Amino acid sequence: MLSDGVILLHDNTHTARKTHKLLQKLKWEVWSHPHLYSPDLAPNLGSIYLSGTMFSSNSDVKTAAEYWRNEQGSDFYQAELNSYSYVQINT
């Protein structure tokens, strides 16, 4: 396997554009580490949508995030909400 080339297990969710371009230039195979830090957290789909986008101001970031959020259907969070368990506490 290693004799066929380099495989990089990339476990950092924050990658510099220069690093990404260098890895492409070297034609290294990159395996992404799962982006879930906790089984309680849903994946951040917004970061997938905004991946590789450069912003010139905080206002531009806010506008893009709001646009993405507004584009989601009314049932966007429903599947996640339906997966929660309800616990009744007897006092």
Protein backbone atom coordinates (compact mmCIF):
# COMPACT_ATOMS: atom_id res chain seq x y z
CA MET A 1 0.00 0.00 0.00
CA LEU A 2 2.67 2.55 0.96
CA SER A 3 4.81 1.59 -2.01
CA ASP A 4 2.03 2.87 -4.28
CA GLY A 5 2.29 6.44 -2.99
CA VAL A 6 1.52 8.68 -0.06
CA ILE A 7 -1.78 8.62 1.79
CA LEU A 8 -2.42 11.48 4.20
CA LEU A 9 -4.99 11.06 6.96
CA HIS A 10 -6.15 14.62 7.39
CA ASP A 11 -7.59 15.04 10.88
CA ASN A 12 -7.77 18.84 11.03
CA THR A 13 -11.04 20.41 9.94
CA HIS A 14 -9.38 23.77 9.28
CA THR A 15 -7.11 23.57 6.24
CA ALA A 16 -5.27 26.38 4.54
CA ARG A 17 -5.88 26.90 0.84
CA LYS A 18 -2.10 26.70 0.22
CA THR A 19 -1.98 23.29 1.89
CA HIS A 20 -4.94 22.05 -0.13
CA LYS A 21 -3.34 23.19 -3.40
CA LEU A 22 0.01 21.62 -2.48
CA LEU A 23 -1.64 18.28 -1.74
CA GLN A 24 -3.38 18.42 -5.13
CA LYS A 25 -0.11 19.31 -6.86
CA LEU A 26 1.71 16.40 -5.19
CA LYS A 27 -1.22 14.13 -6.11
CA TRP A 28 -1.33 12.74 -2.59
CA GLU A 29 -4.40 10.78 -1.64
CA VAL A 30 -6.12 12.50 1.27
CA TRP A 31 -8.39 10.64 3.64
CA SER A 32 -10.58 12.95 5.66
CA HIS A 33 -11.15 12.35 9.31
CA PRO A 34 -14.84 12.42 10.27
CA HIS A 35 -15.84 15.92 11.33
CA LEU A 36 -17.92 14.75 14.25
CA TYR A 37 -16.36 15.69 17.55
CA SER A 38 -19.22 14.28 19.59
CA PRO A 39 -21.91 11.74 18.81
CA ASP A 40 -24.38 14.28 20.21
CA LEU A 41 -23.66 16.82 17.49
CA ALA A 42 -25.11 16.81 14.01
CA PRO A 43 -22.66 17.50 11.17
CA ASN A 44 -22.33 21.15 10.29
CA LEU A 45 -23.86 21.20 6.83
CA GLY A 46 -23.32 24.93 6.57
CA SER A 47 -19.57 24.46 6.57
CA ILE A 48 -19.91 22.09 3.62
CA TYR A 49 -21.90 24.70 1.71
CA LEU A 50 -19.42 27.49 2.51
CA SER A 51 -16.27 25.39 2.12
CA GLY A 52 -13.57 27.16 0.12
CA THR A 53 -15.40 30.49 0.15
CA MET A 54 -13.35 33.60 0.95
CA PHE A 55 -15.03 36.51 2.68
CA SER A 56 -13.79 40.08 2.96
CA SER A 57 -15.72 40.99 6.10
CA ASN A 58 -17.68 39.57 9.01
CA SER A 59 -20.78 41.06 7.44
CA ASP A 60 -20.23 38.97 4.29
CA VAL A 61 -19.94 35.82 6.42
CA LYS A 62 -23.16 36.66 8.24
CA THR A 63 -25.00 37.37 4.98
CA ALA A 64 -23.85 34.07 3.41
CA ALA A 65 -24.81 32.07 6.51
CA GLU A 66 -28.23 33.71 6.66
CA TYR A 67 -28.78 33.05 2.96
CA TRP A 68 -27.87 29.38 3.41
CA ARG A 69 -30.13 29.06 6.47
CA ASN A 70 -33.05 30.69 4.64
CA GLU A 71 -32.63 28.29 1.70
CA GLN A 72 -33.26 25.26 3.94
CA GLY A 73 -36.75 23.81 3.88
CA SER A 74 -39.12 24.08 6.80
CA ASP A 75 -38.40 20.43 7.67
CA PHE A 76 -34.61 20.87 7.72
CA TYR A 77 -34.23 20.26 11.46
CA GLN A 78 -37.20 17.91 11.80
CA ALA A 79 -35.28 14.63 11.39
CA GLU A 80 -32.80 15.64 14.09
CA LEU A 81 -35.56 16.79 16.43
CA ASN A 82 -37.43 13.53 15.86
CA SER A 83 -34.36 11.54 16.93
CA TYR A 84 -34.39 13.03 20.45
CA SER A 85 -35.69 10.95 23.30
CA TYR A 86 -38.13 12.39 25.74
CA VAL A 87 -37.44 11.65 29.37
CA GLN A 88 -40.01 12.08 32.07
CA ILE A 89 -38.57 12.78 35.49
CA ASN A 90 -40.62 11.51 38.39
CA THR A 91 -40.27 13.68 41.45
